[in-house]
Structure formats: C-alpha cells, structure tokens
C-alpha cells in the first residue's frame, strides 16, 4: 500500500470527498507515494482558515497555477487545490498527473505513460471521464440517489465542521444540496417537464428548463455504456491500460467512486458491474499503489474507447464551434455564468438524442490540447491506436480548429 493521509504530511489537498476530482487526485498521490493531508477535514480552525485564505489569495492574484502554465481559457475550480511544501497552489487533476511524474516519480512508472500511443489512450480516457463522467455521476447523485437518507449535505457539513462558524453546518449542508440540484441542467442533466418524485421538495427535485430537451435517459444510457466498457477491460486485466495504475484509472475511479457514498447509485453500479465495483473499492483502499507490471494497448480497450468516441468527441466539437461563434459575436462570458444568463447556448445531438448546453471555455482548452497531441504522434503510434477504433476517421475527429 502506498502513501496514505498522513498527520505530518507537507502536501495538502484542499477539498472534500464529495468531489470526484479530489478522489482522483488522492488516488494519484497515493500511487506516487506522496503523503498528504486533506483539509478542512484534517485541520484545525486556524490552519483551515489560513489555507482557505491562501487559496483565495492565489486565485485573486492569479498565482494559483495549472502546471506547467495556466491558460487564459482555464477556469478556477471550487476544489481541489494541491498546496505544496513551498506553499504553491496548484489545480487541475490531469495537469497534476504530469506534475507528479516530474516531481515525485513513482518507482513502478509514470501516471502518464511514456509510450506515445498509450499516452494518447490514457489522456483520452482521462479527459473523457473528467468532462462527461462528471455529468453522469452528478446526475446519479442528485437524481438516482435523491431520496437516500445519507444526505450529501450532511456529509459535507461534517468535513467542514472545523472551518464553518459553529452551529451553521446544517444550514450550509442544506444550501449546498439546493445549489447542486439547481445546477443539474448546467451539468447536462435536464428533467422532463413536470418531473416529480414522491417525498422530494420542489427545491430538491431535479429541474427541467424551458427550451431544453430532457437528458435523463441519455445520461443513463451513456453511464451504462461506459461502465460496460470498463467491465470489459477489467474482466481481462487489473487496470484500464494493463497491469498498473495510470491517470486513465485515476479519472475513471474519481468519477465512478464519487457515487460509492450514494446508496442507490452504489446499488446500481454493483448490479451493473460487480467487477468494476470491486475495482473501485480496491483503489479506494489503496491497493493500486502496490501494483507493478506492463502497460499495453489491447483490444480489451475497444468497448470503452468506442463508448467514449460516440459521445466525448462530438460533444467537445460542438462546444468548440459554439464557443468560436460566441467569441466572433463579442461574447466574453462563458461557462456557468453564461448559462445562468441564457447566453452562449447551443443545440446538439448525442446517440440520436437532442440536448442543449452552454459554451464552456475550459472544455475548449481541454479539447484543443488533446487534438494537438494526435497529429504529433509518430505514425506507428497513430496506427496502433487507430486499430482499436476500426472504421473511424480519427484524423477528422481530433482536429483542433
């Protein structure tokens, strides 16, 4: 077992277990053998206040950094942030995988594979789960598990107990739950008109939105396809790219394991794929940190890569076109603030189903960077990867502009 949360650790993860990106980052730190503490859970009031102020100051001053260099299209997340012993404030879990490889190389091999074809496969799975997987598990938490008794807001309040003013935990937790439910359409989960669930208040009922097609069925179909894709791999090998843990595993783990604390969603996952469910538990328990072995491109990957290719590239392409169109018309506001103002909206279709979304600038950067890697691959690496997705014009898919 690798490094675990350590009382004397110099690295700090600022975030909470409700965030899939916190779970992803922690799994990578453990795999790299880097001891850490998670705040505010593990800190006292004074320390938590100091770290919170450090993060906010770094965001305000622009010194919070997505390594190696923050891009103008990047958007500061709510969490997580990694605070180093030198008090650097770093963000973006995918960028931190490469940062860990450079600064804390693991004995078993890097999180981001060195082989070009494997690296591209890892990057594709990583970014797909970060961007689309977030929609799936957020939907599962606030729609599928909406009537669970183990309320996420109460769990959040417990983690923030030594950071919030005394006596405000329940109020904070209730506010957080209402906020997350309200954000469902921004995160792609739109209920049908008139959607109701017995026992849920209006504030906790997943909302519809005027002019937006319902997407519950679409998200649940994508979730089934992606879980089945993971299942097909994990029946044949310990990790998504072979015998050891990489950033691809970290991202899939971070997203899917977010629902391990949501009883109804956990049951659905366990019933759909006991193998994937047990795999998530093994990573949660740190067993991945001792795994050794080779990485390989295998046809075991094809079901997952196919499921990803049917959804992630077309969504990113549509988002990029919407962003470019909005920029040409003088728009300067994107992401959630634009969504709340009914600005920069666009329509698309996935798996034969319509959707409406908002142009997200940070996804433009994600897709641009991934597309730039494809033509830079050696020809043999492109051929090796393309064999896993036969019949697809990947040169036409991974186009940055």
Foldseek 3Di string as FASTA:
>chain_A
DAADADPPALKEKEDDLLFLLSQLLRLLCRLLRHHYHYPPQNDAQVVNVVLVVLVVVCVVVVQAAAPPHDDPLDDDDPDIWMQGNVRRTYDDSVSVQVVCCVVRNHPQGGQQHPALLSNLVLLLLQVLCVQLLQLLLLCCQLPQLVPPPLQPQLSVLNRCVRHDDPPCSVVRSVVVQLVSLVCNVQSVAAADPPDDDPPDDPSSTRHHDPPWDGCPVVSVVLVLQQLVLQQLCVVPALALFHFAHHSSRSSVLSSQCSCVSRVSSLVVSCVSHVSVSVSSVCSVVSVRSPTHDDGHDDLSNLSNVVSSVQPPLVVLVQLLVLVVVCVVVPDDDWRPVCVVVVHSKDWDDGPRHIGIHHRRSNSLVSLLVSLVSQVVRDPVSNVSNCVSVPPDPVPVRSDSD
